[in-house]
Amino acid sequence: MRPGAWRSAATLAACALGLGACQSLQPKSAPPHLAVPPLAKAPAPAAPPPQVVTVTAAAKSCVSKALPRAPKYPDTDAALRDAGGAADRYQLMAAGRLLREKRLADLEKVVDGCR
């Protein structure tokens, strides 16, 4: 045999061994007494019972008829943009704050009466 033939024969033998080894790596099935059955799916949770909504007559309002409507506040965005200077904008904001504080005090009285 010539030297290249030995190399070819060795390569073929190595390939045959490799293929034989791959065949032996196939997974083996577990013995029947060790086989685990597949888990069953959990049943879907039952739908919640429908909610019963009862409609009652409208409750009497606890807001007094004497409560005035909200005032027109002077410190709107447009009014502040159109103001001549910083002093004018400050006066508009101060007047708006006074009106808001008075309105809040009136609303707190109504809320306390409703509780």
C-alpha atoms as a PDB file:
ATOM      1  CA  MET A   1       0.000   0.000   0.000  1.00  0.00           C
ATOM      2  CA  ARG A   2       1.204   3.428  -0.703  1.00  0.00           C
ATOM      3  CA  PRO A   3       1.426   6.087   2.098  1.00  0.00           C
ATOM      4  CA  GLY A   4      -1.610   8.102   0.928  1.00  0.00           C
ATOM      5  CA  ALA A   5      -3.743   4.960   1.029  1.00  0.00           C
ATOM      6  CA  TRP A   6      -3.030   4.445   4.733  1.00  0.00           C
ATOM      7  CA  ARG A   7      -4.120   7.968   5.428  1.00  0.00           C
ATOM      8  CA  SER A   8      -7.351   7.455   3.461  1.00  0.00           C
ATOM      9  CA  ALA A   9      -8.025   4.185   5.243  1.00  0.00           C
ATOM     10  CA  ALA A  10      -7.437   5.811   8.636  1.00  0.00           C
ATOM     11  CA  THR A  11      -9.770   8.663   7.736  1.00  0.00           C
ATOM     12  CA  LEU A  12     -12.483   6.241   6.644  1.00  0.00           C
ATOM     13  CA  ALA A  13     -12.060   4.245   9.842  1.00  0.00           C
ATOM     14  CA  ALA A  14     -12.338   7.410  11.947  1.00  0.00           C
ATOM     15  CA  CYS A  15     -15.497   8.449  10.091  1.00  0.00           C
ATOM     16  CA  ALA A  16     -17.008   5.004  10.623  1.00  0.00           C
ATOM     17  CA  LEU A  17     -16.218   5.141  14.341  1.00  0.00           C
ATOM     18  CA  GLY A  18     -17.723   8.620  14.578  1.00  0.00           C
ATOM     19  CA  LEU A  19     -20.918   7.584  12.841  1.00  0.00           C
ATOM     20  CA  GLY A  20     -21.175   4.495  15.010  1.00  0.00           C
ATOM     21  CA  ALA A  21     -20.749   6.624  18.124  1.00  0.00           C
ATOM     22  CA  CYS A  22     -23.513   8.996  16.965  1.00  0.00           C
ATOM     23  CA  GLN A  23     -25.892   6.053  16.596  1.00  0.00           C
ATOM     24  CA  SER A  24     -25.233   4.965  20.148  1.00  0.00           C
ATOM     25  CA  LEU A  25     -26.124   8.427  21.521  1.00  0.00           C
ATOM     26  CA  GLN A  26     -29.803   8.153  20.639  1.00  0.00           C
ATOM     27  CA  PRO A  27     -31.986   8.656  23.721  1.00  0.00           C
ATOM     28  CA  LYS A  28     -33.231   5.473  25.230  1.00  0.00           C
ATOM     29  CA  SER A  29     -36.778   5.295  26.446  1.00  0.00           C
ATOM     30  CA  ALA A  30     -37.264   4.874  30.177  1.00  0.00           C
ATOM     31  CA  PRO A  31     -38.414   1.505  31.519  1.00  0.00           C
ATOM     32  CA  PRO A  32     -42.210   1.312  31.757  1.00  0.00           C
ATOM     33  CA  HIS A  33     -42.217   1.451  35.558  1.00  0.00           C
ATOM     34  CA  LEU A  34     -40.186   4.722  35.496  1.00  0.00           C
ATOM     35  CA  ALA A  35     -42.067   6.440  32.684  1.00  0.00           C
ATOM     36  CA  VAL A  36     -43.867   9.580  33.854  1.00  0.00           C
ATOM     37  CA  PRO A  37     -47.272  10.178  32.271  1.00  0.00           C
ATOM     38  CA  PRO A  38     -47.787  13.677  30.830  1.00  0.00           C
ATOM     39  CA  LEU A  39     -49.396  16.133  33.210  1.00  0.00           C
ATOM     40  CA  ALA A  40     -53.046  16.875  32.595  1.00  0.00           C
ATOM     41  CA  LYS A  41     -54.021  20.492  31.996  1.00  0.00           C
ATOM     42  CA  ALA A  42     -55.501  22.246  34.982  1.00  0.00           C
ATOM     43  CA  PRO A  43     -59.197  22.989  34.513  1.00  0.00           C
ATOM     44  CA  ALA A  44     -60.031  26.575  33.657  1.00  0.00           C
ATOM     45  CA  PRO A  45     -61.302  28.589  36.625  1.00  0.00           C
ATOM     46  CA  ALA A  46     -65.027  29.007  36.749  1.00  0.00           C
ATOM     47  CA  ALA A  47     -66.410  32.336  35.600  1.00  0.00           C
ATOM     48  CA  PRO A  48     -67.319  34.642  38.484  1.00  0.00           C
ATOM     49  CA  PRO A  49     -71.021  34.981  39.132  1.00  0.00           C
ATOM     50  CA  PRO A  50     -72.606  38.028  37.504  1.00  0.00           C
ATOM     51  CA  GLN A  51     -72.861  41.073  39.692  1.00  0.00           C
ATOM     52  CA  VAL A  52     -76.301  42.232  40.638  1.00  0.00           C
ATOM     53  CA  VAL A  53     -76.767  45.961  40.366  1.00  0.00           C
ATOM     54  CA  THR A  54     -79.727  47.501  42.080  1.00  0.00           C
ATOM     55  CA  VAL A  55     -80.860  50.933  41.051  1.00  0.00           C
ATOM     56  CA  THR A  56     -82.321  53.056  43.789  1.00  0.00           C
ATOM     57  CA  ALA A  57     -83.977  56.414  43.634  1.00  0.00           C
ATOM     58  CA  ALA A  58     -81.613  59.350  43.397  1.00  0.00           C
ATOM     59  CA  ALA A  59     -80.418  60.402  46.812  1.00  0.00           C
ATOM     60  CA  LYS A  60     -81.382  63.816  47.997  1.00  0.00           C
ATOM     61  CA  SER A  61     -78.641  66.300  47.283  1.00  0.00           C
ATOM     62  CA  CYS A  62     -76.854  67.602  50.337  1.00  0.00           C
ATOM     63  CA  VAL A  63     -75.650  70.684  48.475  1.00  0.00           C
ATOM     64  CA  SER A  64     -77.472  73.765  49.624  1.00  0.00           C
ATOM     65  CA  LYS A  65     -79.321  75.838  47.038  1.00  0.00           C
ATOM     66  CA  ALA A  66     -77.684  78.864  48.676  1.00  0.00           C
ATOM     67  CA  LEU A  67     -74.246  77.814  47.438  1.00  0.00           C
ATOM     68  CA  PRO A  68     -73.353  80.296  44.725  1.00  0.00           C
ATOM     69  CA  ARG A  69     -71.959  79.254  41.360  1.00  0.00           C
ATOM     70  CA  ALA A  70     -68.209  79.363  40.849  1.00  0.00           C
ATOM     71  CA  PRO A  71     -66.974  82.928  40.321  1.00  0.00           C
ATOM     72  CA  LYS A  72     -65.301  84.104  37.148  1.00  0.00           C
ATOM     73  CA  TYR A  73     -61.641  84.141  38.079  1.00  0.00           C
ATOM     74  CA  PRO A  74     -59.630  87.108  36.800  1.00  0.00           C
ATOM     75  CA  ASP A  75     -56.317  85.261  36.364  1.00  0.00           C
ATOM     76  CA  THR A  76     -57.078  83.362  33.167  1.00  0.00           C
ATOM     77  CA  ASP A  77     -54.284  82.533  30.728  1.00  0.00           C
ATOM     78  CA  ALA A  78     -55.533  85.120  28.252  1.00  0.00           C
ATOM     79  CA  ALA A  79     -55.782  87.833  30.915  1.00  0.00           C
ATOM     80  CA  LEU A  80     -52.250  87.118  32.156  1.00  0.00           C
ATOM     81  CA  ARG A  81     -50.855  87.227  28.596  1.00  0.00           C
ATOM     82  CA  ASP A  82     -52.611  90.527  27.883  1.00  0.00           C
ATOM     83  CA  ALA A  83     -51.495  92.147  31.158  1.00  0.00           C
ATOM     84  CA  GLY A  84     -49.213  95.148  30.717  1.00  0.00           C
ATOM     85  CA  GLY A  85     -46.432  94.101  33.056  1.00  0.00           C
ATOM     86  CA  ALA A  86     -45.361  91.949  35.963  1.00  0.00           C
ATOM     87  CA  ALA A  87     -47.222  94.099  38.512  1.00  0.00           C
ATOM     88  CA  ASP A  88     -50.493  93.724  36.625  1.00  0.00           C
ATOM     89  CA  ARG A  89     -50.044  89.937  36.373  1.00  0.00           C
ATOM     90  CA  TYR A  90     -49.322  89.777  40.102  1.00  0.00           C
ATOM     91  CA  GLN A  91     -52.518  91.701  40.917  1.00  0.00           C
ATOM     92  CA  LEU A  92     -54.589  89.379  38.723  1.00  0.00           C
ATOM     93  CA  MET A  93     -53.110  86.306  40.410  1.00  0.00           C
ATOM     94  CA  ALA A  94     -53.645  87.751  43.894  1.00  0.00           C
ATOM     95  CA  ALA A  95     -57.301  88.528  43.118  1.00  0.00           C
ATOM     96  CA  GLY A  96     -57.797  85.015  41.720  1.00  0.00           C
ATOM     97  CA  ARG A  97     -56.246  83.484  44.819  1.00  0.00           C
ATOM     98  CA  LEU A  98     -58.591  85.394  47.139  1.00  0.00           C
ATOM     99  CA  LEU A  99     -61.630  84.217  45.153  1.00  0.00           C
ATOM    100  CA  ARG A 100     -60.386  80.607  45.174  1.00  0.00           C
ATOM    101  CA  GLU A 101     -59.819  80.636  48.947  1.00  0.00           C
ATOM    102  CA  LYS A 102     -63.352  81.963  49.546  1.00  0.00           C
ATOM    103  CA  ARG A 103     -64.824  79.342  47.199  1.00  0.00           C
ATOM    104  CA  LEU A 104     -62.858  76.563  48.903  1.00  0.00           C
ATOM    105  CA  ALA A 105     -64.135  77.644  52.315  1.00  0.00           C
ATOM    106  CA  ASP A 106     -67.756  77.546  51.020  1.00  0.00           C
ATOM    107  CA  LEU A 107     -67.232  74.088  49.512  1.00  0.00           C
ATOM    108  CA  GLU A 108     -65.673  72.741  52.722  1.00  0.00           C
ATOM    109  CA  LYS A 109     -68.810  73.788  54.632  1.00  0.00           C
ATOM    110  CA  VAL A 110     -70.981  71.886  52.153  1.00  0.00           C
ATOM    111  CA  VAL A 111     -68.785  68.779  52.315  1.00  0.00           C
ATOM    112  CA  ASP A 112     -68.862  68.799  56.120  1.00  0.00           C
ATOM    113  CA  GLY A 113     -72.670  69.014  55.989  1.00  0.00           C
ATOM    114  CA  CYS A 114     -72.820  66.000  53.635  1.00  0.00           C
ATOM    115  CA  ARG A 115     -70.769  63.732  55.871  1.00  0.00           C
END
